[in-house]
Amino acid sequence: MMSSRILPLQPLTAAAFAPYGDVIDCASAKEALSINEGHTTRFHDLAALDLGREGGHPLISIFRSTPKARPLRLELMERHPLGSQAFYPLSGNPYLVVVAPKGLFDQKAMVAFLARPDQGVNYHAGTWHHYSLALGGVSDFLVIDRGGPKDAAGANLDEVRLDPAMTIDLEEAEL
């Protein structure tokens, strides 16, 4: 096994994240609607959910994530080939989003984003990503993803081990 490689960190923006999925925040809304007698703004159509393939159905869950020890060492990536997976932070902490393009996993194509506490993400089906990387404390995320049959036809998780492992330098990040 080789030594770890440093993965640079960049801010999460809709344009930079577009190849991997959608950024879920008010600024990314396709439409803002005034509703409830003008007392509410609905930021409309924030993510392209893709959950119905092969008998799939929407699930809403809360994931509670504990921060990893620093230096932050990444050793595993995953993807969900049959559906999208949306995460929205509930705890007011920033977090990391690490992705790689769809298709055969390419470790050299990995990208890391620093997400603000008011930004969620929706990974497109098949996009490689790291599991929740909480910063600043234990963090809850509202998750919308695909439920479905548990047999081989409904398998919706692929994982790969990183070799070499990747490290993210959080010292320079504004947390």
N, C-alpha and C. Protein backbone atom coordinates (compact mmCIF):
# COMPACT_ATOMS: atom_id res chain seq x y z
N MET A 1 0.84 -1.18 0.00
CA MET A 1 0.00 0.00 0.00
C MET A 1 0.88 1.24 0.00
N MET A 2 0.54 2.20 -0.82
CA MET A 2 1.31 3.44 -0.93
C MET A 2 0.89 4.40 0.19
N SER A 3 1.70 5.44 0.40
CA SER A 3 1.34 6.45 1.39
C SER A 3 0.17 7.27 0.87
N SER A 4 -0.47 8.02 1.76
CA SER A 4 -1.65 8.77 1.35
C SER A 4 -1.28 9.96 0.48
N ARG A 5 -2.26 10.44 -0.27
CA ARG A 5 -2.12 11.58 -1.16
C ARG A 5 -3.03 12.68 -0.66
N ILE A 6 -2.60 13.95 -0.77
CA ILE A 6 -3.39 15.09 -0.30
C ILE A 6 -4.44 15.44 -1.36
N LEU A 7 -5.68 15.59 -0.93
CA LEU A 7 -6.78 15.98 -1.80
C LEU A 7 -7.13 17.43 -1.50
N PRO A 8 -6.98 18.35 -2.48
CA PRO A 8 -7.29 19.75 -2.21
C PRO A 8 -8.78 19.95 -1.94
N LEU A 9 -9.10 21.00 -1.21
CA LEU A 9 -10.47 21.30 -0.80
C LEU A 9 -10.91 22.58 -1.47
N GLN A 10 -12.14 22.60 -1.99
CA GLN A 10 -12.68 23.80 -2.62
C GLN A 10 -14.09 24.07 -2.10
N PRO A 11 -14.57 25.32 -2.22
CA PRO A 11 -15.93 25.62 -1.77
C PRO A 11 -16.95 24.89 -2.63
N LEU A 12 -18.08 24.52 -2.02
CA LEU A 12 -19.16 23.86 -2.75
C LEU A 12 -19.98 24.92 -3.48
N THR A 13 -20.00 24.83 -4.80
CA THR A 13 -20.84 25.71 -5.62
C THR A 13 -21.64 24.83 -6.58
N ALA A 14 -22.79 25.34 -7.02
CA ALA A 14 -23.63 24.57 -7.95
C ALA A 14 -22.89 24.27 -9.24
N ALA A 15 -22.14 25.22 -9.76
CA ALA A 15 -21.43 25.02 -11.02
C ALA A 15 -20.34 23.95 -10.88
N ALA A 16 -19.54 24.02 -9.82
CA ALA A 16 -18.45 23.05 -9.64
C ALA A 16 -18.98 21.65 -9.35
N PHE A 17 -20.14 21.56 -8.70
CA PHE A 17 -20.69 20.26 -8.30
C PHE A 17 -21.59 19.64 -9.37
N ALA A 18 -21.97 20.38 -10.39
CA ALA A 18 -22.93 19.92 -11.40
C ALA A 18 -22.61 18.55 -12.01
N PRO A 19 -21.36 18.20 -12.28
CA PRO A 19 -21.11 16.87 -12.85
C PRO A 19 -21.46 15.71 -11.91
N TYR A 20 -21.60 15.99 -10.61
CA TYR A 20 -21.82 14.94 -9.62
C TYR A 20 -23.24 14.92 -9.06
N GLY A 21 -23.94 16.05 -9.17
CA GLY A 21 -25.28 16.14 -8.61
C GLY A 21 -25.72 17.58 -8.45
N ASP A 22 -26.62 17.80 -7.51
CA ASP A 22 -27.22 19.12 -7.28
C ASP A 22 -26.80 19.65 -5.92
N VAL A 23 -26.57 20.97 -5.85
CA VAL A 23 -26.42 21.63 -4.56
C VAL A 23 -27.81 22.05 -4.11
N ILE A 24 -28.15 21.73 -2.89
CA ILE A 24 -29.47 22.06 -2.34
C ILE A 24 -29.31 23.27 -1.42
N ASP A 25 -29.64 24.43 -1.95
CA ASP A 25 -29.65 25.66 -1.16
C ASP A 25 -30.55 26.66 -1.85
N CYS A 26 -30.87 27.74 -1.18
CA CYS A 26 -31.80 28.73 -1.73
C CYS A 26 -31.25 29.35 -3.02
N ALA A 27 -29.96 29.59 -3.07
CA ALA A 27 -29.37 30.22 -4.25
C ALA A 27 -29.47 29.34 -5.50
N SER A 28 -29.60 28.03 -5.32
CA SER A 28 -29.66 27.11 -6.46
C SER A 28 -31.08 26.82 -6.94
N ALA A 29 -32.07 27.42 -6.31
CA ALA A 29 -33.46 27.16 -6.69
C ALA A 29 -33.73 27.60 -8.11
N LYS A 30 -34.46 26.78 -8.84
CA LYS A 30 -34.86 27.14 -10.20
C LYS A 30 -35.95 28.20 -10.18
N GLU A 31 -36.66 28.27 -9.05
CA GLU A 31 -37.78 29.20 -8.93
C GLU A 31 -38.01 29.48 -7.44
N ALA A 32 -38.30 30.73 -7.12
CA ALA A 32 -38.67 31.11 -5.75
C ALA A 32 -40.10 31.63 -5.81
N LEU A 33 -40.99 30.99 -5.05
CA LEU A 33 -42.41 31.31 -5.10
C LEU A 33 -42.86 31.88 -3.76
N SER A 34 -43.65 32.95 -3.82
CA SER A 34 -44.26 33.49 -2.62
C SER A 34 -45.55 32.71 -2.36
N ILE A 35 -45.65 32.10 -1.16
CA ILE A 35 -46.83 31.31 -0.81
C ILE A 35 -47.30 31.70 0.59
N ASN A 36 -48.37 31.08 1.04
CA ASN A 36 -48.90 31.29 2.40
C ASN A 36 -49.14 32.77 2.70
N GLU A 37 -49.92 33.39 1.82
CA GLU A 37 -50.29 34.80 1.96
C GLU A 37 -49.06 35.71 2.04
N GLY A 38 -47.98 35.32 1.36
CA GLY A 38 -46.78 36.14 1.33
C GLY A 38 -45.86 35.98 2.54
N HIS A 39 -46.16 35.06 3.43
CA HIS A 39 -45.34 34.86 4.63
C HIS A 39 -44.24 33.81 4.46
N THR A 40 -44.24 33.15 3.32
CA THR A 40 -43.28 32.08 3.07
C THR A 40 -42.76 32.19 1.64
N THR A 41 -41.47 31.95 1.48
CA THR A 41 -40.90 31.80 0.14
C THR A 41 -40.56 30.33 -0.04
N ARG A 42 -41.09 29.76 -1.12
CA ARG A 42 -40.80 28.37 -1.45
C ARG A 42 -39.69 28.36 -2.49
N PHE A 43 -38.52 27.83 -2.12
CA PHE A 43 -37.42 27.67 -3.06
C PHE A 43 -37.63 26.31 -3.70
N HIS A 44 -38.06 26.35 -4.95
CA HIS A 44 -38.72 25.25 -5.63
C HIS A 44 -37.75 24.41 -6.47
N ASP A 45 -37.97 23.11 -6.48
CA ASP A 45 -37.30 22.17 -7.39
C ASP A 45 -35.78 22.20 -7.21
N LEU A 46 -35.32 21.86 -6.01
CA LEU A 46 -33.91 22.00 -5.66
C LEU A 46 -33.03 20.82 -6.06
N ALA A 47 -33.61 19.67 -6.36
CA ALA A 47 -32.80 18.50 -6.69
C ALA A 47 -33.58 17.56 -7.60
N ALA A 48 -32.86 16.94 -8.51
CA ALA A 48 -33.46 15.95 -9.42
C ALA A 48 -33.37 14.57 -8.77
N LEU A 49 -34.39 14.24 -7.97
CA LEU A 49 -34.41 12.94 -7.30
C LEU A 49 -34.68 11.84 -8.32
N ASP A 50 -33.97 10.73 -8.21
CA ASP A 50 -34.05 9.61 -9.13
C ASP A 50 -34.11 8.35 -8.28
N LEU A 51 -35.34 7.89 -7.95
CA LEU A 51 -35.49 6.85 -6.94
C LEU A 51 -36.31 5.64 -7.38
N GLY A 52 -36.92 5.66 -8.56
CA GLY A 52 -37.89 4.64 -8.92
C GLY A 52 -37.39 3.44 -9.68
N ARG A 53 -36.11 3.42 -10.08
CA ARG A 53 -35.60 2.29 -10.87
C ARG A 53 -35.75 0.96 -10.15
N GLU A 54 -36.08 -0.07 -10.91
CA GLU A 54 -36.15 -1.46 -10.43
C GLU A 54 -36.94 -1.60 -9.13
N GLY A 55 -38.12 -0.97 -9.09
CA GLY A 55 -39.00 -1.12 -7.94
C GLY A 55 -38.63 -0.27 -6.75
N GLY A 56 -37.81 0.73 -6.96
CA GLY A 56 -37.39 1.60 -5.87
C GLY A 56 -38.49 2.54 -5.41
N HIS A 57 -38.34 3.04 -4.20
CA HIS A 57 -39.28 4.01 -3.64
C HIS A 57 -38.51 4.97 -2.74
N PRO A 58 -39.04 6.17 -2.51
CA PRO A 58 -38.33 7.15 -1.68
C PRO A 58 -38.29 6.74 -0.21
N LEU A 59 -37.14 6.96 0.40
CA LEU A 59 -36.96 6.80 1.84
C LEU A 59 -36.51 8.15 2.41
N ILE A 60 -37.01 8.51 3.57
CA ILE A 60 -36.51 9.68 4.29
C ILE A 60 -35.94 9.16 5.60
N SER A 61 -34.68 9.49 5.85
CA SER A 61 -33.98 9.02 7.05
C SER A 61 -33.20 10.18 7.65
N ILE A 62 -32.71 9.99 8.86
CA ILE A 62 -31.74 10.90 9.45
C ILE A 62 -30.49 10.07 9.71
N PHE A 63 -29.36 10.56 9.21
CA PHE A 63 -28.06 9.94 9.46
C PHE A 63 -27.35 10.79 10.50
N ARG A 64 -26.82 10.20 11.54
CA ARG A 64 -26.03 10.91 12.55
C ARG A 64 -24.57 10.53 12.33
N SER A 65 -23.76 11.54 12.00
CA SER A 65 -22.36 11.30 11.64
C SER A 65 -21.41 11.89 12.67
N THR A 66 -20.42 11.11 13.04
CA THR A 66 -19.38 11.53 13.97
C THR A 66 -18.14 11.92 13.16
N PRO A 67 -17.54 13.07 13.46
CA PRO A 67 -16.34 13.45 12.71
C PRO A 67 -15.22 12.42 12.82
N LYS A 68 -14.48 12.24 11.74
CA LYS A 68 -13.31 11.38 11.73
C LYS A 68 -12.15 12.11 12.40
N ALA A 69 -11.20 11.36 12.92
CA ALA A 69 -10.01 11.94 13.53
C ALA A 69 -9.18 12.67 12.47
N ARG A 70 -8.42 13.67 12.92
CA ARG A 70 -7.54 14.40 12.02
C ARG A 70 -6.11 13.94 12.23
N PRO A 71 -5.30 13.90 11.19
CA PRO A 71 -5.61 14.35 9.84
C PRO A 71 -6.67 13.45 9.21
N LEU A 72 -7.52 14.04 8.41
CA LEU A 72 -8.65 13.34 7.83
C LEU A 72 -8.16 12.41 6.72
N ARG A 73 -8.26 11.12 6.97
CA ARG A 73 -7.77 10.10 6.04
C ARG A 73 -8.97 9.37 5.44
N LEU A 74 -9.04 9.37 4.12
CA LEU A 74 -10.14 8.73 3.40
C LEU A 74 -9.66 7.40 2.83
N GLU A 75 -10.44 6.34 3.07
CA GLU A 75 -10.03 5.02 2.62
C GLU A 75 -11.11 4.28 1.83
N LEU A 76 -12.31 4.86 1.70
CA LEU A 76 -13.43 4.16 1.08
C LEU A 76 -14.29 5.15 0.30
N MET A 77 -14.74 4.73 -0.87
CA MET A 77 -15.73 5.49 -1.65
C MET A 77 -16.87 4.53 -1.97
N GLU A 78 -18.05 5.12 -2.22
CA GLU A 78 -19.23 4.31 -2.53
C GLU A 78 -20.04 4.99 -3.63
N ARG A 79 -20.95 4.22 -4.21
CA ARG A 79 -21.91 4.79 -5.17
C ARG A 79 -23.20 3.99 -5.07
N HIS A 80 -24.28 4.61 -5.53
CA HIS A 80 -25.60 3.99 -5.56
C HIS A 80 -26.07 3.99 -7.01
N PRO A 81 -25.91 2.86 -7.72
CA PRO A 81 -26.19 2.84 -9.15
C PRO A 81 -27.66 2.95 -9.52
N LEU A 82 -28.57 2.67 -8.58
CA LEU A 82 -30.00 2.65 -8.92
C LEU A 82 -30.76 3.89 -8.47
N GLY A 83 -30.11 4.84 -7.84
CA GLY A 83 -30.86 6.01 -7.40
C GLY A 83 -29.97 7.11 -6.85
N SER A 84 -30.54 8.30 -6.83
CA SER A 84 -29.86 9.45 -6.25
C SER A 84 -29.88 9.35 -4.73
N GLN A 85 -29.08 10.19 -4.09
CA GLN A 85 -29.05 10.23 -2.64
C GLN A 85 -28.82 11.69 -2.22
N ALA A 86 -29.80 12.25 -1.50
CA ALA A 86 -29.74 13.65 -1.09
C ALA A 86 -29.46 13.75 0.40
N PHE A 87 -28.58 14.68 0.77
CA PHE A 87 -28.21 14.96 2.16
C PHE A 87 -28.46 16.43 2.44
N TYR A 88 -29.12 16.73 3.56
CA TYR A 88 -29.27 18.12 3.99
C TYR A 88 -28.90 18.19 5.47
N PRO A 89 -27.93 19.06 5.82
CA PRO A 89 -27.47 19.13 7.21
C PRO A 89 -28.53 19.73 8.13
N LEU A 90 -28.63 19.19 9.33
CA LEU A 90 -29.60 19.66 10.32
C LEU A 90 -28.94 20.26 11.56
N SER A 91 -27.62 20.14 11.68
CA SER A 91 -26.96 20.48 12.94
C SER A 91 -26.20 21.80 12.94
N GLY A 92 -26.21 22.54 11.86
CA GLY A 92 -25.54 23.84 11.84
C GLY A 92 -24.03 23.77 11.72
N ASN A 93 -23.49 22.64 11.27
CA ASN A 93 -22.04 22.48 11.12
C ASN A 93 -21.68 22.36 9.64
N PRO A 94 -20.51 22.86 9.26
CA PRO A 94 -20.03 22.58 7.90
C PRO A 94 -19.70 21.09 7.79
N TYR A 95 -19.52 20.63 6.58
CA TYR A 95 -19.16 19.23 6.35
C TYR A 95 -18.43 19.12 5.03
N LEU A 96 -17.84 17.98 4.78
CA LEU A 96 -17.10 17.75 3.54
C LEU A 96 -17.88 16.86 2.60
N VAL A 97 -17.74 17.14 1.32
CA VAL A 97 -18.33 16.34 0.25
C VAL A 97 -17.18 15.91 -0.65
N VAL A 98 -16.97 14.61 -0.78
CA VAL A 98 -15.89 14.08 -1.62
C VAL A 98 -16.54 13.20 -2.68
N VAL A 99 -16.24 13.50 -3.95
CA VAL A 99 -16.88 12.81 -5.07
C VAL A 99 -15.87 12.43 -6.15
N ALA A 100 -16.31 11.53 -7.02
CA ALA A 100 -15.59 11.19 -8.24
C ALA A 100 -16.66 10.90 -9.30
N PRO A 101 -16.32 11.05 -10.57
CA PRO A 101 -17.32 10.87 -11.63
C PRO A 101 -17.90 9.46 -11.69
N LYS A 102 -19.07 9.36 -12.32
CA LYS A 102 -19.73 8.08 -12.58
C LYS A 102 -18.82 7.21 -13.44
N GLY A 103 -19.14 5.94 -13.52
CA GLY A 103 -18.38 5.01 -14.35
C GLY A 103 -17.37 4.25 -13.53
N LEU A 104 -16.33 3.74 -14.18
CA LEU A 104 -15.27 3.05 -13.46
C LEU A 104 -14.62 4.03 -12.50
N PHE A 105 -14.38 3.60 -11.27
CA PHE A 105 -13.81 4.50 -10.28
C PHE A 105 -12.40 4.92 -10.68
N ASP A 106 -12.14 6.24 -10.63
CA ASP A 106 -10.84 6.82 -10.93
C ASP A 106 -10.41 7.67 -9.74
N GLN A 107 -9.52 7.14 -8.93
CA GLN A 107 -9.09 7.84 -7.72
C GLN A 107 -8.45 9.19 -8.04
N LYS A 108 -7.81 9.31 -9.19
CA LYS A 108 -7.17 10.57 -9.57
C LYS A 108 -8.19 11.66 -9.89
N ALA A 109 -9.45 11.27 -10.11
CA ALA A 109 -10.50 12.24 -10.46
C ALA A 109 -11.30 12.70 -9.24
N MET A 110 -10.89 12.29 -8.04
CA MET A 110 -11.63 12.68 -6.84
C MET A 110 -11.53 14.19 -6.60
N VAL A 111 -12.65 14.76 -6.11
CA VAL A 111 -12.74 16.19 -5.81
C VAL A 111 -13.35 16.33 -4.42
N ALA A 112 -12.84 17.29 -3.64
CA ALA A 112 -13.36 17.53 -2.29
C ALA A 112 -13.91 18.94 -2.19
N PHE A 113 -15.11 19.06 -1.60
CA PHE A 113 -15.78 20.34 -1.43
C PHE A 113 -16.05 20.59 0.06
N LEU A 114 -15.94 21.84 0.47
CA LEU A 114 -16.34 22.25 1.80
C LEU A 114 -17.75 22.81 1.69
N ALA A 115 -18.72 22.16 2.35
CA ALA A 115 -20.12 22.57 2.31
C ALA A 115 -20.45 23.40 3.55
N ARG A 116 -21.17 24.49 3.34
CA ARG A 116 -21.65 25.31 4.45
C ARG A 116 -22.82 24.61 5.13
N PRO A 117 -23.15 25.03 6.36
CA PRO A 117 -24.28 24.42 7.07
C PRO A 117 -25.65 24.64 6.41
N ASP A 118 -25.73 25.57 5.44
CA ASP A 118 -27.00 25.82 4.75
C ASP A 118 -27.03 25.23 3.35
N GLN A 119 -26.11 24.30 3.06
CA GLN A 119 -26.05 23.66 1.75
C GLN A 119 -26.21 22.16 1.89
N GLY A 120 -27.08 21.60 1.08
CA GLY A 120 -27.20 20.15 0.98
C GLY A 120 -26.68 19.72 -0.37
N VAL A 121 -26.60 18.41 -0.57
CA VAL A 121 -26.19 17.87 -1.87
C VAL A 121 -27.11 16.72 -2.24
N ASN A 122 -27.27 16.54 -3.53
CA ASN A 122 -27.99 15.39 -4.08
C ASN A 122 -27.05 14.73 -5.08
N TYR A 123 -26.53 13.55 -4.71
CA TYR A 123 -25.64 12.82 -5.61
C TYR A 123 -26.46 12.16 -6.70
N HIS A 124 -26.08 12.37 -7.97
CA HIS A 124 -26.74 11.66 -9.06
C HIS A 124 -26.50 10.16 -8.91
N ALA A 125 -27.42 9.36 -9.40
CA ALA A 125 -27.24 7.91 -9.40
C ALA A 125 -25.92 7.56 -10.05
N GLY A 126 -25.13 6.72 -9.40
CA GLY A 126 -23.86 6.28 -9.96
C GLY A 126 -22.67 7.15 -9.63
N THR A 127 -22.87 8.32 -9.03
CA THR A 127 -21.76 9.19 -8.66
C THR A 127 -21.03 8.60 -7.46
N TRP A 128 -19.72 8.45 -7.57
CA TRP A 128 -18.91 7.97 -6.45
C TRP A 128 -18.82 9.07 -5.40
N HIS A 129 -18.96 8.70 -4.13
CA HIS A 129 -18.87 9.68 -3.05
C HIS A 129 -18.41 9.01 -1.76
N HIS A 130 -17.88 9.82 -0.89
CA HIS A 130 -17.51 9.34 0.44
C HIS A 130 -18.75 9.44 1.31
N TYR A 131 -18.84 8.64 2.35
CA TYR A 131 -19.96 8.78 3.28
C TYR A 131 -19.86 10.12 4.00
N SER A 132 -20.87 10.46 4.78
CA SER A 132 -20.95 11.78 5.44
C SER A 132 -19.68 12.08 6.22
N LEU A 133 -19.14 13.26 5.98
CA LEU A 133 -17.92 13.70 6.65
C LEU A 133 -18.23 14.95 7.47
N ALA A 134 -18.75 14.72 8.66
CA ALA A 134 -19.13 15.81 9.57
C ALA A 134 -17.89 16.55 10.07
N LEU A 135 -18.04 17.85 10.26
CA LEU A 135 -17.01 18.69 10.86
C LEU A 135 -17.63 19.45 12.01
N GLY A 136 -16.85 19.77 13.01
CA GLY A 136 -17.33 20.63 14.09
C GLY A 136 -18.17 19.94 15.15
N GLY A 137 -18.35 18.65 15.07
CA GLY A 137 -19.13 17.92 16.05
C GLY A 137 -20.05 16.92 15.40
N VAL A 138 -20.66 16.08 16.22
CA VAL A 138 -21.63 15.10 15.72
C VAL A 138 -22.72 15.87 14.99
N SER A 139 -23.08 15.40 13.79
CA SER A 139 -24.01 16.13 12.94
C SER A 139 -25.08 15.20 12.38
N ASP A 140 -26.31 15.70 12.35
CA ASP A 140 -27.43 14.98 11.74
C ASP A 140 -27.66 15.50 10.33
N PHE A 141 -28.03 14.58 9.44
CA PHE A 141 -28.36 14.91 8.06
C PHE A 141 -29.70 14.28 7.72
N LEU A 142 -30.61 15.06 7.13
CA LEU A 142 -31.83 14.52 6.55
C LEU A 142 -31.42 13.91 5.22
N VAL A 143 -31.77 12.63 5.00
CA VAL A 143 -31.35 11.92 3.79
C VAL A 143 -32.58 11.41 3.06
N ILE A 144 -32.62 11.68 1.77
CA ILE A 144 -33.66 11.13 0.89
C ILE A 144 -32.95 10.26 -0.12
N ASP A 145 -33.24 8.96 -0.07
CA ASP A 145 -32.63 8.06 -1.01
C ASP A 145 -33.57 6.94 -1.39
N ARG A 146 -33.07 5.97 -2.13
CA ARG A 146 -33.88 4.91 -2.70
C ARG A 146 -33.96 3.71 -1.77
N GLY A 147 -35.18 3.28 -1.52
CA GLY A 147 -35.42 1.99 -0.89
C GLY A 147 -35.88 1.04 -1.97
N GLY A 148 -35.69 -0.24 -1.77
CA GLY A 148 -36.12 -1.18 -2.78
C GLY A 148 -35.84 -2.60 -2.37
N PRO A 149 -36.05 -3.52 -3.30
CA PRO A 149 -35.83 -4.94 -3.01
C PRO A 149 -34.40 -5.18 -2.53
N LYS A 150 -34.25 -6.14 -1.64
CA LYS A 150 -32.94 -6.45 -1.06
C LYS A 150 -32.20 -7.54 -1.84
N ASP A 151 -32.83 -8.11 -2.88
CA ASP A 151 -32.16 -9.15 -3.65
C ASP A 151 -31.11 -8.54 -4.58
N ALA A 152 -30.42 -9.36 -5.33
CA ALA A 152 -29.34 -8.89 -6.20
C ALA A 152 -29.82 -7.85 -7.20
N ALA A 153 -31.04 -7.98 -7.70
CA ALA A 153 -31.55 -7.02 -8.68
C ALA A 153 -31.75 -5.64 -8.05
N GLY A 154 -31.94 -5.61 -6.73
CA GLY A 154 -32.17 -4.33 -6.07
C GLY A 154 -30.94 -3.79 -5.37
N ALA A 155 -29.78 -4.40 -5.59
CA ALA A 155 -28.55 -3.95 -4.94
C ALA A 155 -28.25 -2.52 -5.38
N ASN A 156 -28.05 -1.65 -4.41
CA ASN A 156 -27.85 -0.24 -4.74
C ASN A 156 -26.64 0.33 -4.01
N LEU A 157 -25.61 -0.48 -3.81
CA LEU A 157 -24.40 0.00 -3.16
C LEU A 157 -23.19 -0.73 -3.72
N ASP A 158 -22.24 0.07 -4.22
CA ASP A 158 -20.92 -0.44 -4.62
C ASP A 158 -19.90 0.32 -3.80
N GLU A 159 -18.85 -0.36 -3.34
CA GLU A 159 -17.79 0.28 -2.56
C GLU A 159 -16.43 -0.07 -3.16
N VAL A 160 -15.49 0.88 -3.03
CA VAL A 160 -14.10 0.64 -3.41
C VAL A 160 -13.20 1.16 -2.30
N ARG A 161 -12.11 0.44 -2.07
CA ARG A 161 -11.06 0.86 -1.12
C ARG A 161 -10.05 1.72 -1.87
N LEU A 162 -9.61 2.79 -1.25
CA LEU A 162 -8.65 3.68 -1.88
C LEU A 162 -7.23 3.16 -1.64
N ASP A 163 -6.44 3.19 -2.71
CA ASP A 163 -5.04 2.77 -2.61
C ASP A 163 -4.23 3.63 -3.57
N PRO A 164 -3.54 4.63 -3.06
CA PRO A 164 -3.31 4.91 -1.64
C PRO A 164 -4.50 5.64 -1.03
N ALA A 165 -4.54 5.67 0.30
CA ALA A 165 -5.55 6.47 1.00
C ALA A 165 -5.35 7.94 0.64
N MET A 166 -6.41 8.73 0.83
CA MET A 166 -6.33 10.17 0.56
C MET A 166 -6.41 10.91 1.89
N THR A 167 -5.75 12.05 1.96
CA THR A 167 -5.79 12.90 3.14
C THR A 167 -6.30 14.26 2.72
N ILE A 168 -7.15 14.87 3.55
CA ILE A 168 -7.61 16.23 3.29
C ILE A 168 -7.01 17.12 4.37
N ASP A 169 -6.36 18.19 3.93
CA ASP A 169 -5.75 19.15 4.86
C ASP A 169 -6.80 20.17 5.26
N LEU A 170 -7.28 20.06 6.50
CA LEU A 170 -8.31 20.97 6.98
C LEU A 170 -7.74 22.21 7.66
N GLU A 171 -6.42 22.28 7.78
CA GLU A 171 -5.81 23.42 8.46
C GLU A 171 -6.06 24.73 7.71
N GLU A 172 -6.06 24.67 6.38
CA GLU A 172 -6.23 25.88 5.58
C GLU A 172 -7.69 26.20 5.31
N ALA A 173 -8.59 25.29 5.59
CA ALA A 173 -10.02 25.50 5.34
C ALA A 173 -10.60 26.44 6.38
N GLU A 174 -11.47 27.33 5.94
CA GLU A 174 -12.16 28.22 6.87
C GLU A 174 -13.40 27.50 7.39
N LEU A 175 -13.30 26.99 8.60
CA LEU A 175 -14.41 26.20 9.17
C LEU A 175 -15.24 27.05 10.08
